Amino acid sequence: MPVARSEEHLLSLLATLEECRAFLADKASPETGKLLSLAILELRMELHQVTDSELKALCDLVVDEQAAQEAEDGQRLPPYLKLIK
């Protein structure tokens, strides 16, 4: 299968998975929707050739920026929104 066709197939699959995730999150089972979100993330990472270490670096950067913004604003996130490493 040529690369372009394979990528097209993965994008189509992602669209279908996103629809399923939205339905599950809104109507049926939020927990299952979250699990499907992880599968979607993994597929997107594969599609865009993002490594685990690159994703972790991005997450660390976002956490650092949020902490700086919170210190600046004097706001804190609710405990259930804390990032667990």
C-alpha atoms as a PDB file:
ATOM      1  CA  MET A   1       0.000   0.000   0.000  1.00  0.00           C
ATOM      2  CA  PRO A   2       1.558   3.358  -1.003  1.00  0.00           C
ATOM      3  CA  VAL A   3       2.355   5.777   1.818  1.00  0.00           C
ATOM      4  CA  ALA A   4      -0.206   8.369   0.693  1.00  0.00           C
ATOM      5  CA  ARG A   5      -2.970   5.771   0.598  1.00  0.00           C
ATOM      6  CA  SER A   6      -1.934   4.397   3.978  1.00  0.00           C
ATOM      7  CA  GLU A   7      -1.948   7.890   5.481  1.00  0.00           C
ATOM      8  CA  GLU A   8      -5.341   8.564   3.909  1.00  0.00           C
ATOM      9  CA  HIS A   9      -6.647   5.349   5.456  1.00  0.00           C
ATOM     10  CA  LEU A  10      -5.302   6.326   8.903  1.00  0.00           C
ATOM     11  CA  LEU A  11      -6.911   9.771   8.649  1.00  0.00           C
ATOM     12  CA  SER A  12     -10.227   8.155   7.774  1.00  0.00           C
ATOM     13  CA  LEU A  13      -9.849   5.790  10.709  1.00  0.00           C
ATOM     14  CA  LEU A  14      -9.069   8.719  13.018  1.00  0.00           C
ATOM     15  CA  ALA A  15     -12.242  10.511  11.926  1.00  0.00           C
ATOM     16  CA  THR A  16     -14.296   7.431  12.717  1.00  0.00           C
ATOM     17  CA  LEU A  17     -12.612   6.979  16.093  1.00  0.00           C
ATOM     18  CA  GLU A  18     -13.226  10.647  16.944  1.00  0.00           C
ATOM     19  CA  GLU A  19     -16.934  10.215  16.205  1.00  0.00           C
ATOM     20  CA  CYS A  20     -17.060   7.132  18.424  1.00  0.00           C
ATOM     21  CA  ARG A  21     -15.189   8.937  21.192  1.00  0.00           C
ATOM     22  CA  ALA A  22     -17.552  11.910  21.062  1.00  0.00           C
ATOM     23  CA  PHE A  23     -20.584   9.637  21.282  1.00  0.00           C
ATOM     24  CA  LEU A  24     -19.136   7.663  24.168  1.00  0.00           C
ATOM     25  CA  ALA A  25     -18.062  10.738  26.077  1.00  0.00           C
ATOM     26  CA  ASP A  26     -21.400  12.507  25.676  1.00  0.00           C
ATOM     27  CA  LYS A  27     -23.941   9.722  25.771  1.00  0.00           C
ATOM     28  CA  ALA A  28     -22.816   6.269  26.755  1.00  0.00           C
ATOM     29  CA  SER A  29     -19.635   5.812  28.718  1.00  0.00           C
ATOM     30  CA  PRO A  30     -17.279   8.701  29.515  1.00  0.00           C
ATOM     31  CA  GLU A  31     -14.640   6.298  30.864  1.00  0.00           C
ATOM     32  CA  THR A  32     -14.596   4.307  27.624  1.00  0.00           C
ATOM     33  CA  GLY A  33     -14.434   7.582  25.704  1.00  0.00           C
ATOM     34  CA  LYS A  34     -11.299   8.508  27.643  1.00  0.00           C
ATOM     35  CA  LEU A  35      -9.701   5.164  26.809  1.00  0.00           C
ATOM     36  CA  LEU A  36     -10.511   5.684  23.148  1.00  0.00           C
ATOM     37  CA  SER A  37      -8.914   9.145  23.398  1.00  0.00           C
ATOM     38  CA  LEU A  38      -5.657   7.463  24.398  1.00  0.00           C
ATOM     39  CA  ALA A  39      -5.848   5.180  21.361  1.00  0.00           C
ATOM     40  CA  ILE A  40      -6.503   8.221  19.157  1.00  0.00           C
ATOM     41  CA  LEU A  41      -3.493  10.009  20.651  1.00  0.00           C
ATOM     42  CA  GLU A  42      -1.284   6.985  19.989  1.00  0.00           C
ATOM     43  CA  LEU A  43      -2.485   6.785  16.385  1.00  0.00           C
ATOM     44  CA  ARG A  44      -1.931  10.525  15.839  1.00  0.00           C
ATOM     45  CA  MET A  45       1.569  10.232  17.289  1.00  0.00           C
ATOM     46  CA  GLU A  46       2.330   7.379  14.903  1.00  0.00           C
ATOM     47  CA  LEU A  47       0.874   9.264  11.954  1.00  0.00           C
ATOM     48  CA  HIS A  48       2.937  12.382  12.686  1.00  0.00           C
ATOM     49  CA  GLN A  49       6.000  10.447  13.870  1.00  0.00           C
ATOM     50  CA  VAL A  50       5.988  11.965  17.352  1.00  0.00           C
ATOM     51  CA  THR A  51       8.020  10.015  19.892  1.00  0.00           C
ATOM     52  CA  ASP A  52       7.102   9.423  23.523  1.00  0.00           C
ATOM     53  CA  SER A  53       9.989  11.631  24.624  1.00  0.00           C
ATOM     54  CA  GLU A  54       8.783  14.482  22.370  1.00  0.00           C
ATOM     55  CA  LEU A  55       5.283  14.227  23.848  1.00  0.00           C
ATOM     56  CA  LYS A  56       6.710  14.248  27.376  1.00  0.00           C
ATOM     57  CA  ALA A  57       8.819  17.316  26.561  1.00  0.00           C
ATOM     58  CA  LEU A  58       5.711  19.096  25.279  1.00  0.00           C
ATOM     59  CA  CYS A  59       3.740  18.153  28.404  1.00  0.00           C
ATOM     60  CA  ASP A  60       6.571  19.382  30.633  1.00  0.00           C
ATOM     61  CA  LEU A  61       6.647  22.683  28.751  1.00  0.00           C
ATOM     62  CA  VAL A  62       2.882  23.139  29.107  1.00  0.00           C
ATOM     63  CA  VAL A  63       3.021  22.342  32.834  1.00  0.00           C
ATOM     64  CA  ASP A  64       5.855  24.831  33.330  1.00  0.00           C
ATOM     65  CA  GLU A  65       3.937  27.537  31.452  1.00  0.00           C
ATOM     66  CA  GLN A  66       0.782  26.821  33.466  1.00  0.00           C
ATOM     67  CA  ALA A  67       2.706  27.047  36.729  1.00  0.00           C
ATOM     68  CA  ALA A  68       4.210  30.379  35.676  1.00  0.00           C
ATOM     69  CA  GLN A  69       0.780  31.676  34.649  1.00  0.00           C
ATOM     70  CA  GLU A  70      -0.766  30.533  37.949  1.00  0.00           C
ATOM     71  CA  ALA A  71       1.974  32.257  39.917  1.00  0.00           C
ATOM     72  CA  GLU A  72       1.384  35.404  37.877  1.00  0.00           C
ATOM     73  CA  ASP A  73      -2.409  35.289  38.238  1.00  0.00           C
ATOM     74  CA  GLY A  74      -2.491  33.872  41.735  1.00  0.00           C
ATOM     75  CA  GLN A  75      -4.849  31.146  40.485  1.00  0.00           C
ATOM     76  CA  ARG A  76      -4.607  27.451  41.158  1.00  0.00           C
ATOM     77  CA  LEU A  77      -6.165  24.625  39.238  1.00  0.00           C
ATOM     78  CA  PRO A  78      -8.661  22.404  41.025  1.00  0.00           C
ATOM     79  CA  PRO A  79      -6.963  19.253  42.382  1.00  0.00           C
ATOM     80  CA  TYR A  80      -8.717  17.014  39.843  1.00  0.00           C
ATOM     81  CA  LEU A  81      -6.994  18.902  36.991  1.00  0.00           C
ATOM     82  CA  LYS A  82      -3.446  18.363  38.263  1.00  0.00           C
ATOM     83  CA  LEU A  83      -1.126  16.617  35.832  1.00  0.00           C
ATOM     84  CA  ILE A  84       0.159  13.317  37.183  1.00  0.00           C
ATOM     85  CA  LYS A  85       3.603  12.332  35.924  1.00  0.00           C
END
